[in-house]
Amino acid sequence: MEYAINIDIRPCEKASSNVIPMFRVLEAKPAQIPDWAFTSNVIHYSAMGAA
């Protein structure tokens, strides 16, 4: 208030908004090692059992 800035975050009753909040829940799933990684010798075949 010293600088005439109001940081009060209470919603104003007069203001209306047409913004609709959109949320999307993300679900993490374990990834598999692609076959090309083994055929390109990027990953050794012994890692196939660990995947």
PDB file of N, CA and C in Angstrom:
ATOM      1  N   MET A   1       0.824  -1.194   0.000  1.00  0.00           N
ATOM      2  CA  MET A   1       0.000   0.000   0.000  1.00  0.00           C
ATOM      3  C   MET A   1       0.871   1.262   0.000  1.00  0.00           C
ATOM      4  N   GLU A   2       2.111   1.116   0.378  1.00  0.00           N
ATOM      5  CA  GLU A   2       3.008   2.266   0.379  1.00  0.00           C
ATOM      6  C   GLU A   2       3.160   2.855  -1.027  1.00  0.00           C
ATOM      7  N   TYR A   3       3.110   1.968  -2.053  1.00  0.00           N
ATOM      8  CA  TYR A   3       3.253   2.410  -3.435  1.00  0.00           C
ATOM      9  C   TYR A   3       1.922   2.401  -4.178  1.00  0.00           C
ATOM     10  N   ALA A   4       0.830   2.356  -3.466  1.00  0.00           N
ATOM     11  CA  ALA A   4      -0.516   2.334  -4.037  1.00  0.00           C
ATOM     12  C   ALA A   4      -0.763   1.090  -4.887  1.00  0.00           C
ATOM     13  N   ILE A   5      -0.170  -0.037  -4.466  1.00  0.00           N
ATOM     14  CA  ILE A   5      -0.389  -1.313  -5.148  1.00  0.00           C
ATOM     15  C   ILE A   5      -1.168  -2.206  -4.206  1.00  0.00           C
ATOM     16  N   ASN A   6      -2.315  -2.663  -4.657  1.00  0.00           N
ATOM     17  CA  ASN A   6      -3.159  -3.528  -3.844  1.00  0.00           C
ATOM     18  C   ASN A   6      -2.933  -4.967  -4.282  1.00  0.00           C
ATOM     19  N   ILE A   7      -2.426  -5.805  -3.384  1.00  0.00           N
ATOM     20  CA  ILE A   7      -2.174  -7.207  -3.715  1.00  0.00           C
ATOM     21  C   ILE A   7      -3.241  -8.121  -3.136  1.00  0.00           C
ATOM     22  N   ASP A   8      -4.355  -7.564  -2.792  1.00  0.00           N
ATOM     23  CA  ASP A   8      -5.468  -8.342  -2.263  1.00  0.00           C
ATOM     24  C   ASP A   8      -5.978  -9.261  -3.370  1.00  0.00           C
ATOM     25  N   ILE A   9      -5.976 -10.565  -3.124  1.00  0.00           N
ATOM     26  CA  ILE A   9      -6.336 -11.511  -4.183  1.00  0.00           C
ATOM     27  C   ILE A   9      -7.750 -12.064  -4.027  1.00  0.00           C
ATOM     28  N   ARG A  10      -8.539 -11.483  -3.188  1.00  0.00           N
ATOM     29  CA  ARG A  10      -9.915 -11.953  -3.061  1.00  0.00           C
ATOM     30  C   ARG A  10     -10.665 -11.667  -4.362  1.00  0.00           C
ATOM     31  N   PRO A  11     -11.524 -12.591  -4.792  1.00  0.00           N
ATOM     32  CA  PRO A  11     -12.246 -12.366  -6.045  1.00  0.00           C
ATOM     33  C   PRO A  11     -13.215 -11.197  -5.929  1.00  0.00           C
ATOM     34  N   CYS A  12     -13.273 -10.462  -6.973  1.00  0.00           N
ATOM     35  CA  CYS A  12     -14.182  -9.325  -7.034  1.00  0.00           C
ATOM     36  C   CYS A  12     -15.561  -9.833  -7.450  1.00  0.00           C
ATOM     37  N   GLU A  13     -16.592  -9.435  -6.749  1.00  0.00           N
ATOM     38  CA  GLU A  13     -17.939  -9.921  -7.041  1.00  0.00           C
ATOM     39  C   GLU A  13     -18.476  -9.351  -8.348  1.00  0.00           C
ATOM     40  N   LYS A  14     -18.027  -8.188  -8.727  1.00  0.00           N
ATOM     41  CA  LYS A  14     -18.531  -7.547  -9.940  1.00  0.00           C
ATOM     42  C   LYS A  14     -17.904  -8.126 -11.205  1.00  0.00           C
ATOM     43  N   ALA A  15     -16.695  -8.613 -11.107  1.00  0.00           N
ATOM     44  CA  ALA A  15     -15.993  -9.091 -12.292  1.00  0.00           C
ATOM     45  C   ALA A  15     -16.505 -10.479 -12.688  1.00  0.00           C
ATOM     46  N   SER A  16     -16.713 -10.656 -13.960  1.00  0.00           N
ATOM     47  CA  SER A  16     -17.073 -11.973 -14.475  1.00  0.00           C
ATOM     48  C   SER A  16     -16.085 -12.332 -15.570  1.00  0.00           C
ATOM     49  N   SER A  17     -15.868 -13.594 -15.752  1.00  0.00           N
ATOM     50  CA  SER A  17     -14.884 -14.037 -16.718  1.00  0.00           C
ATOM     51  C   SER A  17     -15.481 -15.141 -17.573  1.00  0.00           C
ATOM     52  N   ASN A  18     -15.086 -15.161 -18.825  1.00  0.00           N
ATOM     53  CA  ASN A  18     -15.524 -16.224 -19.708  1.00  0.00           C
ATOM     54  C   ASN A  18     -14.423 -17.266 -19.895  1.00  0.00           C
ATOM     55  N   VAL A  19     -13.400 -17.207 -19.045  1.00  0.00           N
ATOM     56  CA  VAL A  19     -12.304 -18.157 -19.109  1.00  0.00           C
ATOM     57  C   VAL A  19     -12.694 -19.418 -18.353  1.00  0.00           C
ATOM     58  N   ILE A  20     -12.566 -20.554 -19.027  1.00  0.00           N
ATOM     59  CA  ILE A  20     -12.891 -21.839 -18.429  1.00  0.00           C
ATOM     60  C   ILE A  20     -11.577 -22.547 -18.124  1.00  0.00           C
ATOM     61  N   PRO A  21     -11.298 -22.809 -16.852  1.00  0.00           N
ATOM     62  CA  PRO A  21     -10.039 -23.496 -16.543  1.00  0.00           C
ATOM     63  C   PRO A  21     -10.069 -24.923 -17.078  1.00  0.00           C
ATOM     64  N   MET A  22      -8.995 -25.309 -17.743  1.00  0.00           N
ATOM     65  CA  MET A  22      -8.913 -26.645 -18.323  1.00  0.00           C
ATOM     66  C   MET A  22      -7.718 -27.362 -17.708  1.00  0.00           C
ATOM     67  N   PHE A  23      -7.956 -28.540 -17.189  1.00  0.00           N
ATOM     68  CA  PHE A  23      -6.909 -29.333 -16.579  1.00  0.00           C
ATOM     69  C   PHE A  23      -6.878 -30.691 -17.249  1.00  0.00           C
ATOM     70  N   ARG A  24      -5.690 -31.204 -17.439  1.00  0.00           N
ATOM     71  CA  ARG A  24      -5.537 -32.534 -18.007  1.00  0.00           C
ATOM     72  C   ARG A  24      -4.577 -33.306 -17.118  1.00  0.00           C
ATOM     73  N   VAL A  25      -5.024 -34.447 -16.649  1.00  0.00           N
ATOM     74  CA  VAL A  25      -4.206 -35.280 -15.789  1.00  0.00           C
ATOM     75  C   VAL A  25      -3.291 -36.116 -16.674  1.00  0.00           C
ATOM     76  N   LEU A  26      -2.005 -36.042 -16.403  1.00  0.00           N
ATOM     77  CA  LEU A  26      -1.044 -36.826 -17.159  1.00  0.00           C
ATOM     78  C   LEU A  26      -0.666 -38.060 -16.361  1.00  0.00           C
ATOM     79  N   GLU A  27      -0.629 -39.174 -17.046  1.00  0.00           N
ATOM     80  CA  GLU A  27      -0.281 -40.434 -16.386  1.00  0.00           C
ATOM     81  C   GLU A  27       1.032 -40.945 -16.961  1.00  0.00           C
ATOM     82  N   ALA A  28       1.993 -41.163 -16.114  1.00  0.00           N
ATOM     83  CA  ALA A  28       3.293 -41.668 -16.558  1.00  0.00           C
ATOM     84  C   ALA A  28       3.230 -43.185 -16.673  1.00  0.00           C
ATOM     85  N   LYS A  29       3.718 -43.687 -17.790  1.00  0.00           N
ATOM     86  CA  LYS A  29       3.765 -45.127 -18.009  1.00  0.00           C
ATOM     87  C   LYS A  29       5.207 -45.506 -18.317  1.00  0.00           C
ATOM     88  N   PRO A  30       5.660 -46.643 -17.831  1.00  0.00           N
ATOM     89  CA  PRO A  30       7.035 -47.065 -18.115  1.00  0.00           C
ATOM     90  C   PRO A  30       7.239 -47.267 -19.618  1.00  0.00           C
ATOM     91  N   ALA A  31       8.357 -46.819 -20.107  1.00  0.00           N
ATOM     92  CA  ALA A  31       8.665 -46.952 -21.531  1.00  0.00           C
ATOM     93  C   ALA A  31       9.463 -48.227 -21.776  1.00  0.00           C
ATOM     94  N   GLN A  32       9.238 -48.852 -22.906  1.00  0.00           N
ATOM     95  CA  GLN A  32       9.985 -50.039 -23.298  1.00  0.00           C
ATOM     96  C   GLN A  32      11.151 -49.606 -24.185  1.00  0.00           C
ATOM     97  N   ILE A  33      12.211 -50.384 -24.158  1.00  0.00           N
ATOM     98  CA  ILE A  33      13.352 -50.110 -25.030  1.00  0.00           C
ATOM     99  C   ILE A  33      12.965 -50.542 -26.437  1.00  0.00           C
ATOM    100  N   PRO A  34      13.068 -49.649 -27.428  1.00  0.00           N
ATOM    101  CA  PRO A  34      12.678 -50.011 -28.792  1.00  0.00           C
ATOM    102  C   PRO A  34      13.650 -51.018 -29.401  1.00  0.00           C
ATOM    103  N   ASP A  35      13.133 -51.820 -30.326  1.00  0.00           N
ATOM    104  CA  ASP A  35      13.950 -52.856 -30.965  1.00  0.00           C
ATOM    105  C   ASP A  35      15.135 -52.271 -31.721  1.00  0.00           C
ATOM    106  N   TRP A  36      14.979 -51.104 -32.325  1.00  0.00           N
ATOM    107  CA  TRP A  36      16.067 -50.508 -33.096  1.00  0.00           C
ATOM    108  C   TRP A  36      17.285 -50.212 -32.215  1.00  0.00           C
ATOM    109  N   ALA A  37      17.078 -50.011 -30.922  1.00  0.00           N
ATOM    110  CA  ALA A  37      18.204 -49.744 -30.033  1.00  0.00           C
ATOM    111  C   ALA A  37      19.100 -50.978 -29.910  1.00  0.00           C
ATOM    112  N   PHE A  38      18.501 -52.165 -29.974  1.00  0.00           N
ATOM    113  CA  PHE A  38      19.283 -53.394 -29.912  1.00  0.00           C
ATOM    114  C   PHE A  38      19.927 -53.692 -31.259  1.00  0.00           C
ATOM    115  N   THR A  39      19.205 -53.502 -32.357  1.00  0.00           N
ATOM    116  CA  THR A  39      19.757 -53.811 -33.682  1.00  0.00           C
ATOM    117  C   THR A  39      20.818 -52.805 -34.101  1.00  0.00           C
ATOM    118  N   SER A  40      20.796 -51.611 -33.551  1.00  0.00           N
ATOM    119  CA  SER A  40      21.807 -50.597 -33.870  1.00  0.00           C
ATOM    120  C   SER A  40      22.981 -50.650 -32.908  1.00  0.00           C
ATOM    121  N   ASN A  41      22.989 -51.623 -32.010  1.00  0.00           N
ATOM    122  CA  ASN A  41      24.032 -51.786 -31.000  1.00  0.00           C
ATOM    123  C   ASN A  41      24.142 -50.578 -30.077  1.00  0.00           C
ATOM    124  N   VAL A  42      23.057 -49.886 -29.870  1.00  0.00           N
ATOM    125  CA  VAL A  42      23.038 -48.788 -28.916  1.00  0.00           C
ATOM    126  C   VAL A  42      22.935 -49.365 -27.499  1.00  0.00           C
ATOM    127  N   ILE A  43      22.171 -50.449 -27.381  1.00  0.00           N
ATOM    128  CA  ILE A  43      21.998 -51.132 -26.098  1.00  0.00           C
ATOM    129  C   ILE A  43      22.335 -52.594 -26.290  1.00  0.00           C
ATOM    130  N   HIS A  44      23.061 -53.163 -25.350  1.00  0.00           N
ATOM    131  CA  HIS A  44      23.447 -54.575 -25.454  1.00  0.00           C
ATOM    132  C   HIS A  44      22.236 -55.451 -25.160  1.00  0.00           C
ATOM    133  N   TYR A  45      22.216 -56.634 -25.780  1.00  0.00           N
ATOM    134  CA  TYR A  45      21.092 -57.551 -25.602  1.00  0.00           C
ATOM    135  C   TYR A  45      20.906 -57.999 -24.160  1.00  0.00           C
ATOM    136  N   SER A  46      21.948 -57.910 -23.352  1.00  0.00           N
ATOM    137  CA  SER A  46      21.822 -58.316 -21.952  1.00  0.00           C
ATOM    138  C   SER A  46      20.875 -57.377 -21.203  1.00  0.00           C
ATOM    139  N   ALA A  47      20.648 -56.187 -21.725  1.00  0.00           N
ATOM    140  CA  ALA A  47      19.722 -55.234 -21.085  1.00  0.00           C
ATOM    141  C   ALA A  47      18.274 -55.590 -21.387  1.00  0.00           C
ATOM    142  N   MET A  48      18.025 -56.504 -22.309  1.00  0.00           N
ATOM    143  CA  MET A  48      16.665 -56.845 -22.683  1.00  0.00           C
ATOM    144  C   MET A  48      15.908 -57.432 -21.497  1.00  0.00           C
ATOM    145  N   GLY A  49      16.557 -58.185 -20.653  1.00  0.00           N
ATOM    146  CA  GLY A  49      15.903 -58.761 -19.495  1.00  0.00           C
ATOM    147  C   GLY A  49      15.579 -57.718 -18.444  1.00  0.00           C
ATOM    148  N   ALA A  50      16.309 -56.609 -18.410  1.00  0.00           N
ATOM    149  CA  ALA A  50      16.095 -55.555 -17.419  1.00  0.00           C
ATOM    150  C   ALA A  50      14.998 -54.607 -17.848  1.00  0.00           C
ATOM    151  N   ALA A  51      14.609 -54.634 -19.111  1.00  0.00           N
ATOM    152  CA  ALA A  51      13.627 -53.664 -19.615  1.00  0.00           C
ATOM    153  C   ALA A  51      12.232 -54.039 -19.239  1.00  0.00           C
TER     154      ALA A  51
END
